[in-house]
Amino acid sequence: MTTPAQPRKRILTGDRPTGRLHLGHYAGSLAKRVALQHEYETILIIADLHMLTTKPSHDDIAQISENCRGLVLDYLAAGIDPDKVTIYLQSAVHETYELNLIFEMLVTVNRLARIPSIKDMARAANMSDEEMPFGLLGYPVLQAADILLPRAHLVPVGKDNESHVEITREIARRFNSLYGEVFPIPEVLVGDVPTLVGTDGKDKMSKSLGNCIFLHDDELTVNKKVRGMYTDPKRVSADIPGTVEGNPVFIYHDAFNPNKAEVDELKARYRAGRVGDVEVKEKLARALNTFLAPMRARYAMYQAETGLVDEIIVRGTQRMRAIAAETMHAVRSAMGLASTWNRLLRAAERRQKKVRSASPSGDPS
């Protein structure tokens, strides 16, 4: 006698459609998504509603459609298999709005205000505390709805979103304690390089800072960006011993150069003052271009198939709608909201039936 196979656990993660993906995204969570898509049922969200928290203008919203296509192309180029992974548009799954509203009742304003990344996001959008919209303060609550709507078990994120997943875990526990076990408590998975420094040496690679190497950058662009990268600022010539730790060029070597013997040899020579920044950067550029070459090939292949990306998004959104409907049925049933409506509906139907039967013509009017 055979036993039924256990359903695979689910992953939920994704990105806002604000532009193209870069090496920071890949190192932070995209690499994990690609690696785990064969082990977990993977769902990727195009989080366009999250854009409204900092980019609510008509012009910003008008860019969403094209940005969605670029985002999905980057997913596919990085190795996401569209036949294995569900990719969906957040705003097209209306249960998201309902679950977000319910979750807003389960967390306090003070708890949300303690999350440091929210103020960082406000500063990045040039907002003062007085200008911050409620939606930005509630950003982690909407993320909780995203994660728990498919009842995900694992969330691969960058380091800056780790605290947001903790809010999700708190909300899931709170809901389950009040209404019954509906949601799993999701685990967080941070990438091997939690935060990749920018090419300018800043703490984080960011589109707004212009310090990114994008997944779709061509070879010449990568070479140019690497040549301009920051290194050890105290090292004015090749014969002066340099610092490897915290040096952006070597951080990138460690993350993307698979030739560890070459990296170790460069580090030793750099510390001894026996290699110049030019050689170190040339070898990094070569390693990065080798790393990105398969992505460029896949990008070109998928881009050439007119309408394919749109079809992938529509198919994934339709599937997510079915999953969301199941979850919200469980949520309403657990809370008693469904039974309230059902009682009212049955009472109204009984009354209409009684009125019809009492009317000589059978017409309640």
Protein backbone atom coordinates (compact mmCIF):
# COMPACT_ATOMS: atom_id res chain seq x y z
CA MET A 1 0.00 0.00 0.00
CA THR A 2 1.44 3.39 -0.97
CA THR A 3 1.00 6.52 1.11
CA PRO A 4 0.13 9.82 -0.56
CA ALA A 5 3.10 12.11 -1.13
CA GLN A 6 3.45 15.00 1.27
CA PRO A 7 2.70 18.35 -0.41
CA ARG A 8 5.77 20.50 -0.88
CA LYS A 9 6.25 23.44 1.42
CA ARG A 10 5.80 26.90 -0.07
CA ILE A 11 8.12 29.84 -0.58
CA LEU A 12 6.82 33.38 -1.05
CA THR A 13 9.11 36.20 -2.03
CA GLY A 14 9.31 38.88 -4.69
CA ASP A 15 10.11 42.47 -5.57
CA ARG A 16 8.55 45.84 -6.21
CA PRO A 17 8.46 46.68 -9.94
CA THR A 18 10.59 49.82 -9.53
CA GLY A 19 13.20 48.87 -12.13
CA ARG A 20 15.68 46.21 -13.12
CA LEU A 21 17.37 43.75 -10.75
CA HIS A 22 21.05 44.02 -9.86
CA LEU A 23 23.76 41.89 -8.26
CA GLY A 24 22.59 42.98 -4.81
CA HIS A 25 19.18 41.43 -5.46
CA TYR A 26 20.81 38.26 -6.75
CA ALA A 27 23.12 37.88 -3.75
CA GLY A 28 20.44 38.91 -1.26
CA SER A 29 17.65 36.50 -2.21
CA LEU A 30 17.36 35.71 -5.92
CA ALA A 31 20.12 33.09 -5.82
CA LYS A 32 18.25 31.28 -3.05
CA ARG A 33 15.01 31.39 -5.03
CA VAL A 34 16.69 29.78 -8.03
CA ALA A 35 18.30 27.10 -5.87
CA LEU A 36 15.14 26.24 -3.93
CA GLN A 37 12.57 26.28 -6.76
CA HIS A 38 13.01 22.53 -7.29
CA GLU A 39 12.59 21.70 -3.59
CA TYR A 40 9.77 24.08 -2.64
CA GLU A 41 6.58 25.23 -4.33
CA THR A 42 7.77 28.73 -5.19
CA ILE A 43 5.56 31.79 -5.57
CA LEU A 44 7.03 35.12 -6.68
CA ILE A 45 5.05 38.31 -6.14
CA ILE A 46 5.28 41.40 -8.33
CA ALA A 47 4.55 43.76 -5.44
CA ASP A 48 3.05 46.72 -7.27
CA LEU A 49 0.82 47.77 -4.33
CA HIS A 50 3.96 48.33 -2.27
CA MET A 51 5.03 50.95 -4.80
CA LEU A 52 2.13 53.15 -3.68
CA THR A 53 3.73 53.59 -0.25
CA THR A 54 6.51 55.78 -1.67
CA LYS A 55 5.65 56.31 -5.36
CA PRO A 56 1.92 57.09 -5.55
CA SER A 57 1.97 59.46 -8.53
CA HIS A 58 0.26 58.71 -11.82
CA ASP A 59 3.59 58.76 -13.66
CA ASP A 60 5.10 56.18 -11.27
CA ILE A 61 2.07 53.91 -11.59
CA ALA A 62 2.16 54.24 -15.38
CA GLN A 63 5.62 52.65 -15.37
CA ILE A 64 4.45 49.52 -13.55
CA SER A 65 3.41 47.57 -16.64
CA GLU A 66 6.78 47.89 -18.38
CA ASN A 67 8.69 47.41 -15.13
CA CYS A 68 6.77 44.18 -14.49
CA ARG A 69 7.96 42.76 -17.79
CA GLY A 70 11.55 43.75 -17.09
CA LEU A 71 11.37 42.25 -13.61
CA VAL A 72 10.06 38.92 -14.89
CA LEU A 73 12.68 38.84 -17.65
CA ASP A 74 15.34 39.27 -14.96
CA TYR A 75 13.81 36.38 -13.00
CA LEU A 76 13.89 34.15 -16.05
CA ALA A 77 17.40 35.24 -16.97
CA ALA A 78 18.61 34.41 -13.45
CA GLY A 79 17.31 30.86 -13.82
CA ILE A 80 13.72 30.92 -12.55
CA ASP A 81 11.75 28.21 -14.39
CA PRO A 82 8.31 29.58 -15.40
CA ASP A 83 6.93 26.02 -15.56
CA LYS A 84 7.83 25.41 -11.91
CA VAL A 85 7.30 28.86 -10.35
CA THR A 86 4.13 30.92 -9.95
CA ILE A 87 4.72 34.61 -10.76
CA TYR A 88 1.76 36.88 -10.03
CA LEU A 89 0.69 40.53 -9.95
CA GLN A 90 -0.16 41.58 -6.39
CA SER A 91 -2.84 44.18 -7.21
CA ALA A 92 -4.79 41.68 -9.32
CA VAL A 93 -5.39 39.36 -6.33
CA HIS A 94 -8.13 41.18 -4.44
CA GLU A 95 -7.96 38.93 -1.38
CA THR A 96 -4.70 40.74 -0.62
CA TYR A 97 -6.65 43.88 0.30
CA GLU A 98 -9.02 41.95 2.58
CA LEU A 99 -6.31 40.07 4.45
CA ASN A 100 -4.27 43.24 4.85
CA LEU A 101 -7.27 44.93 6.50
CA ILE A 102 -7.75 42.03 8.92
CA PHE A 103 -4.06 41.97 9.83
CA GLU A 104 -4.06 45.72 10.52
CA MET A 105 -6.25 44.93 13.53
CA LEU A 106 -3.63 42.58 14.99
CA VAL A 107 -0.61 44.87 15.31
CA THR A 108 -0.05 48.17 17.10
CA VAL A 109 1.23 51.44 15.68
CA ASN A 110 4.01 51.48 18.28
CA ARG A 111 5.25 48.07 17.14
CA LEU A 112 5.43 49.22 13.52
CA ALA A 113 7.14 52.48 14.46
CA ARG A 114 10.01 50.51 16.04
CA ILE A 115 11.06 48.99 12.71
CA PRO A 116 14.15 50.96 11.62
CA SER A 117 13.85 50.11 7.91
CA ILE A 118 10.54 52.00 7.67
CA LYS A 119 12.20 55.28 8.56
CA ASP A 120 15.05 54.42 6.19
CA MET A 121 12.50 53.99 3.39
CA ALA A 122 10.90 57.31 4.27
CA ARG A 123 14.26 59.08 4.16
CA ALA A 124 15.08 57.45 0.82
CA ALA A 125 11.78 58.86 -0.50
CA ASN A 126 12.62 62.31 0.98
CA MET A 127 9.71 62.10 3.43
CA SER A 128 9.68 63.62 6.90
CA ASP A 129 7.95 61.81 9.78
CA GLU A 130 4.99 64.18 9.32
CA GLU A 131 4.73 63.28 5.62
CA MET A 132 4.90 59.51 6.09
CA PRO A 133 1.63 57.91 4.91
CA PHE A 134 -0.08 55.24 6.97
CA GLY A 135 0.53 52.82 4.11
CA LEU A 136 4.31 53.15 4.50
CA LEU A 137 4.08 52.62 8.25
CA GLY A 138 1.93 49.57 7.49
CA TYR A 139 4.28 48.27 4.79
CA PRO A 140 5.21 45.20 6.90
CA VAL A 141 1.52 44.42 7.46
CA LEU A 142 0.91 44.30 3.72
CA GLN A 143 4.01 42.10 3.43
CA ALA A 144 2.48 39.82 6.06
CA ALA A 145 -0.64 39.53 3.90
CA ASP A 146 1.56 38.71 0.89
CA ILE A 147 3.40 35.97 2.79
CA LEU A 148 0.44 34.44 4.58
CA LEU A 149 -2.11 34.59 1.75
CA PRO A 150 -0.43 31.56 0.10
CA ARG A 151 0.39 30.24 3.61
CA ALA A 152 4.11 30.25 2.86
CA HIS A 153 6.57 28.33 5.03
CA LEU A 154 9.81 30.03 3.96
CA VAL A 155 10.66 33.60 2.91
CA PRO A 156 14.02 34.29 1.22
CA VAL A 157 14.81 37.98 1.80
CA GLY A 158 17.63 40.46 1.91
CA LYS A 159 18.98 41.49 5.30
CA ASP A 160 16.96 44.74 5.31
CA ASN A 161 13.64 42.84 5.19
CA GLU A 162 14.39 40.34 7.94
CA SER A 163 12.61 42.45 10.59
CA HIS A 164 9.52 42.63 8.36
CA VAL A 165 9.22 38.85 8.32
CA GLU A 166 9.35 38.88 12.12
CA ILE A 167 6.22 41.05 12.06
CA THR A 168 4.61 38.42 9.82
CA ARG A 169 5.47 35.72 12.34
CA GLU A 170 3.95 37.79 15.15
CA ILE A 171 0.75 38.42 13.19
CA ALA A 172 0.42 34.73 12.28
CA ARG A 173 0.80 33.72 15.91
CA ARG A 174 -1.69 36.38 17.01
CA PHE A 175 -4.30 35.29 14.46
CA ASN A 176 -3.84 31.61 15.29
CA SER A 177 -4.17 32.26 19.04
CA LEU A 178 -7.38 34.26 18.55
CA TYR A 179 -9.15 32.23 15.90
CA GLY A 180 -7.45 28.86 15.46
CA GLU A 181 -4.56 27.41 13.50
CA VAL A 182 -4.86 28.75 9.96
CA PHE A 183 -1.35 30.01 9.15
CA PRO A 184 2.06 28.36 9.34
CA ILE A 185 4.75 30.42 11.10
CA PRO A 186 7.11 31.25 8.21
CA GLU A 187 10.86 30.96 8.53
CA VAL A 188 13.21 33.59 7.10
CA LEU A 189 16.13 32.75 4.85
CA VAL A 190 18.78 35.44 4.34
CA GLY A 191 21.13 35.16 1.34
CA ASP A 192 24.77 34.15 1.58
CA VAL A 193 25.72 37.81 1.03
CA PRO A 194 23.05 39.51 3.19
CA THR A 195 23.83 43.04 1.94
CA LEU A 196 26.06 43.70 -1.07
CA VAL A 197 27.93 47.00 -0.94
CA GLY A 198 27.57 49.38 -3.85
CA THR A 199 30.31 49.97 -6.41
CA ASP A 200 30.92 53.30 -4.66
CA GLY A 201 31.64 51.61 -1.35
CA LYS A 202 28.30 52.63 0.18
CA ASP A 203 26.70 50.15 2.56
CA LYS A 204 24.11 48.96 0.07
CA MET A 205 23.74 48.58 -3.67
CA SER A 206 20.76 50.71 -4.65
CA LYS A 207 19.19 51.91 -7.90
CA SER A 208 18.53 55.33 -6.38
CA LEU A 209 22.23 55.75 -5.53
CA GLY A 210 23.39 54.74 -9.00
CA ASN A 211 25.94 52.27 -7.60
CA CYS A 212 24.59 49.07 -9.17
CA ILE A 213 25.74 46.41 -11.58
CA PHE A 214 22.53 45.17 -13.20
CA LEU A 215 21.90 41.59 -14.23
CA HIS A 216 21.26 42.75 -17.81
CA ASP A 217 24.38 44.97 -18.09
CA ASP A 218 26.49 44.12 -21.13
CA GLU A 219 30.18 43.27 -20.97
CA LEU A 220 31.45 46.78 -21.73
CA THR A 221 29.18 48.31 -19.09
CA VAL A 222 30.37 45.85 -16.47
CA ASN A 223 34.01 46.57 -17.35
CA LYS A 224 33.43 50.32 -16.99
CA LYS A 225 31.62 50.01 -13.66
CA VAL A 226 34.28 47.72 -12.21
CA ARG A 227 37.07 50.08 -13.28
CA GLY A 228 35.34 52.84 -11.32
CA MET A 229 34.83 50.79 -8.15
CA TYR A 230 36.14 52.00 -4.82
CA THR A 231 38.99 50.05 -3.21
CA ASP A 232 41.27 50.83 -0.25
CA PRO A 233 41.30 54.68 -0.08
CA LYS A 234 44.64 54.70 1.80
CA ARG A 235 46.45 52.83 -0.97
CA VAL A 236 47.91 55.39 -3.39
CA SER A 237 50.23 53.04 -5.30
CA ALA A 238 50.54 49.32 -6.05
CA ASP A 239 53.60 48.80 -3.83
CA ILE A 240 51.77 49.90 -0.66
CA PRO A 241 50.18 47.03 1.33
CA GLY A 242 46.41 47.25 1.08
CA THR A 243 43.41 46.23 3.15
CA VAL A 244 41.27 43.36 1.86
CA GLU A 245 38.62 43.30 4.60
CA GLY A 246 35.73 45.59 3.71
CA ASN A 247 37.26 46.35 0.31
CA PRO A 248 34.35 46.38 -2.20
CA VAL A 249 36.42 44.78 -4.99
CA PHE A 250 37.29 41.79 -2.81
CA ILE A 251 33.75 41.53 -1.45
CA TYR A 252 32.62 41.06 -5.06
CA HIS A 253 35.45 38.59 -5.74
CA ASP A 254 34.32 36.50 -2.75
CA ALA A 255 30.69 36.61 -3.88
CA PHE A 256 31.03 36.06 -7.64
CA ASN A 257 34.48 34.69 -8.54
CA PRO A 258 34.37 30.89 -8.34
CA ASN A 259 38.17 30.64 -8.73
CA LYS A 260 38.98 30.70 -5.02
CA ALA A 261 42.67 29.98 -5.60
CA GLU A 262 42.90 33.12 -7.76
CA VAL A 263 41.06 35.19 -5.15
CA ASP A 264 43.31 33.95 -2.32
CA GLU A 265 46.42 34.69 -4.38
CA LEU A 266 45.18 38.22 -5.18
CA LYS A 267 44.44 38.86 -1.51
CA ALA A 268 47.91 37.75 -0.45
CA ARG A 269 49.60 39.94 -3.06
CA TYR A 270 47.33 42.89 -2.24
CA ARG A 271 48.19 42.70 1.46
CA ALA A 272 51.88 42.52 0.57
CA GLY A 273 51.78 45.42 -1.88
CA ARG A 274 52.60 43.24 -4.89
CA VAL A 275 49.55 43.81 -7.10
CA GLY A 276 47.82 46.90 -8.41
CA ASP A 277 44.12 47.73 -8.32
CA VAL A 278 44.00 47.55 -12.12
CA GLU A 279 44.84 43.82 -12.21
CA VAL A 280 42.49 43.05 -9.33
CA LYS A 281 39.65 44.86 -11.08
CA GLU A 282 40.37 43.31 -14.48
CA LYS A 283 40.08 39.83 -12.98
CA LEU A 284 36.90 40.82 -11.17
CA ALA A 285 35.36 42.16 -14.39
CA ARG A 286 36.23 38.93 -16.17
CA ALA A 287 34.67 36.86 -13.37
CA LEU A 288 31.51 38.97 -13.34
CA ASN A 289 31.09 38.79 -17.11
CA THR A 290 31.54 35.01 -17.00
CA PHE A 291 28.91 34.87 -14.24
CA LEU A 292 26.46 37.08 -16.17
CA ALA A 293 26.96 35.53 -19.62
CA PRO A 294 24.36 32.72 -19.19
CA MET A 295 21.87 35.27 -17.85
CA ARG A 296 22.35 37.49 -20.89
CA ALA A 297 21.72 34.49 -23.16
CA ARG A 298 18.52 33.49 -21.34
CA TYR A 299 17.36 37.11 -21.27
CA ALA A 300 17.72 37.39 -25.06
CA MET A 301 15.92 34.08 -25.58
CA TYR A 302 12.88 34.99 -23.46
CA GLN A 303 12.74 38.57 -24.71
CA ALA A 304 12.51 37.30 -28.29
CA GLU A 305 9.26 35.43 -27.51
CA THR A 306 6.64 38.14 -27.96
CA GLY A 307 3.86 37.97 -25.37
CA LEU A 308 5.45 35.18 -23.34
CA VAL A 309 6.15 37.30 -20.25
CA ASP A 310 2.57 38.63 -20.20
CA GLU A 311 1.27 35.06 -20.48
CA ILE A 312 3.47 33.94 -17.57
CA ILE A 313 2.16 36.74 -15.34
CA VAL A 314 -1.50 36.11 -16.24
CA ARG A 315 -1.19 32.36 -15.73
CA GLY A 316 0.52 32.84 -12.36
CA THR A 317 -2.01 35.44 -11.21
CA GLN A 318 -4.92 33.15 -12.04
CA ARG A 319 -3.33 30.36 -10.04
CA MET A 320 -2.66 32.67 -7.10
CA ARG A 321 -6.28 33.83 -7.15
CA ALA A 322 -7.38 30.23 -6.58
CA ILE A 323 -4.92 29.81 -3.69
CA ALA A 324 -6.01 33.13 -2.18
CA ALA A 325 -9.70 32.16 -2.34
CA GLU A 326 -8.95 28.98 -0.38
CA THR A 327 -7.02 30.89 2.27
CA MET A 328 -9.67 33.56 2.74
CA HIS A 329 -12.38 30.92 3.04
CA ALA A 330 -10.35 29.41 5.90
CA VAL A 331 -9.78 32.86 7.45
CA ARG A 332 -13.46 33.88 7.34
CA SER A 333 -14.56 30.50 8.66
CA ALA A 334 -12.07 30.64 11.55
CA MET A 335 -13.13 34.19 12.49
CA GLY A 336 -16.84 33.47 12.19
CA LEU A 337 -17.31 36.11 9.50
CA ALA A 338 -18.52 33.52 7.01
CA SER A 339 -21.10 32.09 9.42
CA THR A 340 -22.47 35.57 10.14
CA TRP A 341 -23.07 36.21 6.46
CA ASN A 342 -24.45 32.72 5.90
CA ARG A 343 -26.94 33.12 8.77
CA LEU A 344 -28.12 36.45 7.37
CA LEU A 345 -28.39 34.98 3.89
CA ARG A 346 -30.39 31.96 5.05
CA ALA A 347 -32.72 34.16 7.12
CA ALA A 348 -33.33 36.46 4.16
CA GLU A 349 -34.00 33.49 1.89
CA ARG A 350 -36.47 31.99 4.41
CA ARG A 351 -38.31 35.30 4.64
CA GLN A 352 -38.54 35.66 0.88
CA LYS A 353 -39.84 32.11 0.60
CA LYS A 354 -42.45 32.79 3.28
CA VAL A 355 -43.57 36.03 1.58
CA ARG A 356 -43.88 34.30 -1.78
CA SER A 357 -45.92 31.46 -0.33
CA ALA A 358 -48.27 33.90 1.42
CA SER A 359 -48.92 35.89 -1.75
CA PRO A 360 -51.84 34.62 -3.83
CA SER A 361 -49.88 35.12 -7.02
CA GLY A 362 -46.62 33.92 -5.56
CA ASP A 363 -45.24 37.38 -6.19
CA PRO A 364 -43.76 39.01 -3.03
CA SER A 365 -44.69 42.45 -4.40
